[in-house]
Amino acid sequence: MTLQEFYDRIGGDYKATISRLPSEALIKKFVLKYPGDPSFNQLKDALAAQDWELAFRASHTLKGVAQNLGMDRLYKTAATLCDAVRGPKPLEDASLWPPVVAAHEEVLAAIREL
């Protein structure tokens, strides 16, 4: 799979990402590091523990990582959840979490094919 195909598959923005980062090699290097980023698991654990401060921080970090790497679908779902717990305040709409999980899993599956 090419990097362009990767971005097409995950609902990302290849052109915007390549305009921010100087080379495909650098983009791929950072994309391949995404599975080791702890923010998704921290968010999952924080939501389970109803630790809203940690949920906000983790969702904010996940949102930023996704945005910087051009993973738009993951960015948008994480941003929506981040806004919901901003304050921090309890997550009142649990339906915001499954789209984050789906986008995260989609990114991981595509990374395995790079």
C-alpha atoms as a PDB file:
ATOM      1  CA  MET A   1       0.000   0.000   0.000  1.00  0.00           C
ATOM      2  CA  THR A   2       1.319   3.436  -0.870  1.00  0.00           C
ATOM      3  CA  LEU A   3       1.131   6.314   1.568  1.00  0.00           C
ATOM      4  CA  GLN A   4      -1.509   7.970  -0.632  1.00  0.00           C
ATOM      5  CA  GLU A   5      -3.591   4.752  -0.503  1.00  0.00           C
ATOM      6  CA  PHE A   6      -3.123   4.643   3.272  1.00  0.00           C
ATOM      7  CA  TYR A   7      -4.550   8.146   3.625  1.00  0.00           C
ATOM      8  CA  ASP A   8      -7.420   7.387   1.250  1.00  0.00           C
ATOM      9  CA  ARG A   9      -8.299   4.301   3.288  1.00  0.00           C
ATOM     10  CA  ILE A  10      -8.336   6.035   6.667  1.00  0.00           C
ATOM     11  CA  GLY A  11     -10.162   9.146   5.524  1.00  0.00           C
ATOM     12  CA  GLY A  12      -7.020  11.229   5.825  1.00  0.00           C
ATOM     13  CA  ASP A  13      -5.595  14.191   3.999  1.00  0.00           C
ATOM     14  CA  TYR A  14      -2.403  13.168   2.220  1.00  0.00           C
ATOM     15  CA  LYS A  15      -1.879  16.519   0.473  1.00  0.00           C
ATOM     16  CA  ALA A  16      -2.155  18.543   3.673  1.00  0.00           C
ATOM     17  CA  THR A  17       0.155  16.146   5.500  1.00  0.00           C
ATOM     18  CA  ILE A  18       2.827  16.208   2.798  1.00  0.00           C
ATOM     19  CA  SER A  19       2.656  20.011   2.854  1.00  0.00           C
ATOM     20  CA  ARG A  20       3.443  20.006   6.614  1.00  0.00           C
ATOM     21  CA  LEU A  21       6.072  17.282   6.688  1.00  0.00           C
ATOM     22  CA  PRO A  22       8.885  17.470   4.148  1.00  0.00           C
ATOM     23  CA  SER A  23       8.980  13.896   2.841  1.00  0.00           C
ATOM     24  CA  GLU A  24       7.029  10.665   2.529  1.00  0.00           C
ATOM     25  CA  ALA A  25       9.802   8.893   4.436  1.00  0.00           C
ATOM     26  CA  LEU A  26       9.297  11.195   7.425  1.00  0.00           C
ATOM     27  CA  ILE A  27       5.518  10.853   7.291  1.00  0.00           C
ATOM     28  CA  LYS A  28       5.778   7.075   7.145  1.00  0.00           C
ATOM     29  CA  LYS A  29       8.253   7.093  10.046  1.00  0.00           C
ATOM     30  CA  PHE A  30       5.782   8.963  12.256  1.00  0.00           C
ATOM     31  CA  VAL A  31       2.738   7.015  11.053  1.00  0.00           C
ATOM     32  CA  LEU A  32       4.499   3.749  11.918  1.00  0.00           C
ATOM     33  CA  LYS A  33       5.075   5.087  15.453  1.00  0.00           C
ATOM     34  CA  TYR A  34       1.350   5.709  15.986  1.00  0.00           C
ATOM     35  CA  PRO A  35       0.594   2.198  17.360  1.00  0.00           C
ATOM     36  CA  GLY A  36       3.032   2.888  20.214  1.00  0.00           C
ATOM     37  CA  ASP A  37       1.355   6.152  21.199  1.00  0.00           C
ATOM     38  CA  PRO A  38      -0.311   5.667  24.617  1.00  0.00           C
ATOM     39  CA  SER A  39      -3.085   8.267  24.272  1.00  0.00           C
ATOM     40  CA  PHE A  40      -5.789   5.924  22.907  1.00  0.00           C
ATOM     41  CA  ASN A  41      -5.304   3.382  25.715  1.00  0.00           C
ATOM     42  CA  GLN A  42      -5.123   6.163  28.290  1.00  0.00           C
ATOM     43  CA  LEU A  43      -8.415   7.502  26.972  1.00  0.00           C
ATOM     44  CA  LYS A  44     -10.034   4.066  27.053  1.00  0.00           C
ATOM     45  CA  ASP A  45      -8.874   3.501  30.644  1.00  0.00           C
ATOM     46  CA  ALA A  46      -9.912   7.006  31.733  1.00  0.00           C
ATOM     47  CA  LEU A  47     -13.412   6.582  30.318  1.00  0.00           C
ATOM     48  CA  ALA A  48     -13.772   3.204  32.043  1.00  0.00           C
ATOM     49  CA  ALA A  49     -12.623   4.749  35.345  1.00  0.00           C
ATOM     50  CA  GLN A  50     -14.714   7.880  34.776  1.00  0.00           C
ATOM     51  CA  ASP A  51     -11.565   9.942  35.266  1.00  0.00           C
ATOM     52  CA  TRP A  52     -12.739  12.960  33.290  1.00  0.00           C
ATOM     53  CA  GLU A  53      -9.586  15.010  33.714  1.00  0.00           C
ATOM     54  CA  LEU A  54      -7.449  12.213  32.279  1.00  0.00           C
ATOM     55  CA  ALA A  55     -10.089  11.552  29.600  1.00  0.00           C
ATOM     56  CA  PHE A  56      -9.835  15.164  28.512  1.00  0.00           C
ATOM     57  CA  ARG A  57      -6.025  15.147  28.438  1.00  0.00           C
ATOM     58  CA  ALA A  58      -5.834  11.824  26.594  1.00  0.00           C
ATOM     59  CA  SER A  59      -8.497  12.780  24.046  1.00  0.00           C
ATOM     60  CA  HIS A  60      -6.771  16.115  23.503  1.00  0.00           C
ATOM     61  CA  THR A  61      -3.448  14.356  22.907  1.00  0.00           C
ATOM     62  CA  LEU A  62      -5.034  11.791  20.576  1.00  0.00           C
ATOM     63  CA  LYS A  63      -6.736  14.588  18.677  1.00  0.00           C
ATOM     64  CA  GLY A  64      -3.424  16.416  18.264  1.00  0.00           C
ATOM     65  CA  VAL A  65      -1.498  13.349  17.134  1.00  0.00           C
ATOM     66  CA  ALA A  66      -4.208  12.487  14.605  1.00  0.00           C
ATOM     67  CA  GLN A  67      -4.357  16.046  13.312  1.00  0.00           C
ATOM     68  CA  ASN A  68      -0.589  16.345  12.922  1.00  0.00           C
ATOM     69  CA  LEU A  69      -0.455  13.055  11.015  1.00  0.00           C
ATOM     70  CA  GLY A  70      -3.400  13.945   8.761  1.00  0.00           C
ATOM     71  CA  MET A  71      -5.613  11.168  10.143  1.00  0.00           C
ATOM     72  CA  ASP A  72      -8.722  13.270   9.661  1.00  0.00           C
ATOM     73  CA  ARG A  73     -11.421  10.744  10.561  1.00  0.00           C
ATOM     74  CA  LEU A  74      -9.635   9.877  13.816  1.00  0.00           C
ATOM     75  CA  TYR A  75      -8.983  13.558  14.475  1.00  0.00           C
ATOM     76  CA  LYS A  76     -12.640  14.524  14.025  1.00  0.00           C
ATOM     77  CA  THR A  77     -13.992  11.751  16.251  1.00  0.00           C
ATOM     78  CA  ALA A  78     -11.389  12.423  18.954  1.00  0.00           C
ATOM     79  CA  ALA A  79     -12.075  16.171  18.765  1.00  0.00           C
ATOM     80  CA  THR A  80     -15.802  15.625  19.253  1.00  0.00           C
ATOM     81  CA  LEU A  81     -15.172  13.452  22.307  1.00  0.00           C
ATOM     82  CA  CYS A  82     -12.563  15.903  23.611  1.00  0.00           C
ATOM     83  CA  ASP A  83     -15.063  18.757  23.411  1.00  0.00           C
ATOM     84  CA  ALA A  84     -17.634  16.636  25.254  1.00  0.00           C
ATOM     85  CA  VAL A  85     -15.346  16.093  28.267  1.00  0.00           C
ATOM     86  CA  ARG A  86     -13.709  19.528  28.186  1.00  0.00           C
ATOM     87  CA  GLY A  87     -13.897  21.187  31.561  1.00  0.00           C
ATOM     88  CA  PRO A  88     -13.298  18.434  32.549  1.00  0.00           C
ATOM     89  CA  LYS A  89     -16.835  17.160  32.740  1.00  0.00           C
ATOM     90  CA  PRO A  90     -18.464  13.717  32.543  1.00  0.00           C
ATOM     91  CA  LEU A  91     -19.108  12.153  29.161  1.00  0.00           C
ATOM     92  CA  GLU A  92     -22.874  12.410  28.835  1.00  0.00           C
ATOM     93  CA  ASP A  93     -23.106  10.897  25.346  1.00  0.00           C
ATOM     94  CA  ALA A  94     -21.493   7.457  25.336  1.00  0.00           C
ATOM     95  CA  SER A  95     -22.173   7.163  21.606  1.00  0.00           C
ATOM     96  CA  LEU A  96     -19.176   9.447  20.999  1.00  0.00           C
ATOM     97  CA  TRP A  97     -16.710   6.711  21.999  1.00  0.00           C
ATOM     98  CA  PRO A  98     -17.412   3.946  19.403  1.00  0.00           C
ATOM     99  CA  PRO A  99     -16.510   6.168  16.414  1.00  0.00           C
ATOM    100  CA  VAL A 100     -13.141   6.918  18.046  1.00  0.00           C
ATOM    101  CA  VAL A 101     -12.543   3.188  18.514  1.00  0.00           C
ATOM    102  CA  ALA A 102     -13.546   2.460  14.911  1.00  0.00           C
ATOM    103  CA  ALA A 103     -11.293   5.192  13.497  1.00  0.00           C
ATOM    104  CA  HIS A 104      -8.382   4.065  15.685  1.00  0.00           C
ATOM    105  CA  GLU A 105      -8.800   0.434  14.613  1.00  0.00           C
ATOM    106  CA  GLU A 106      -9.061   1.508  10.979  1.00  0.00           C
ATOM    107  CA  VAL A 107      -5.743   3.363  11.275  1.00  0.00           C
ATOM    108  CA  LEU A 108      -4.055   0.382  12.945  1.00  0.00           C
ATOM    109  CA  ALA A 109      -5.311  -2.014  10.252  1.00  0.00           C
ATOM    110  CA  ALA A 110      -4.052   0.267   7.488  1.00  0.00           C
ATOM    111  CA  ILE A 111      -0.671   0.698   9.194  1.00  0.00           C
ATOM    112  CA  ARG A 112      -0.227  -3.072   9.189  1.00  0.00           C
ATOM    113  CA  GLU A 113      -0.487  -2.949   5.393  1.00  0.00           C
ATOM    114  CA  LEU A 114       2.080  -0.181   4.898  1.00  0.00           C
END
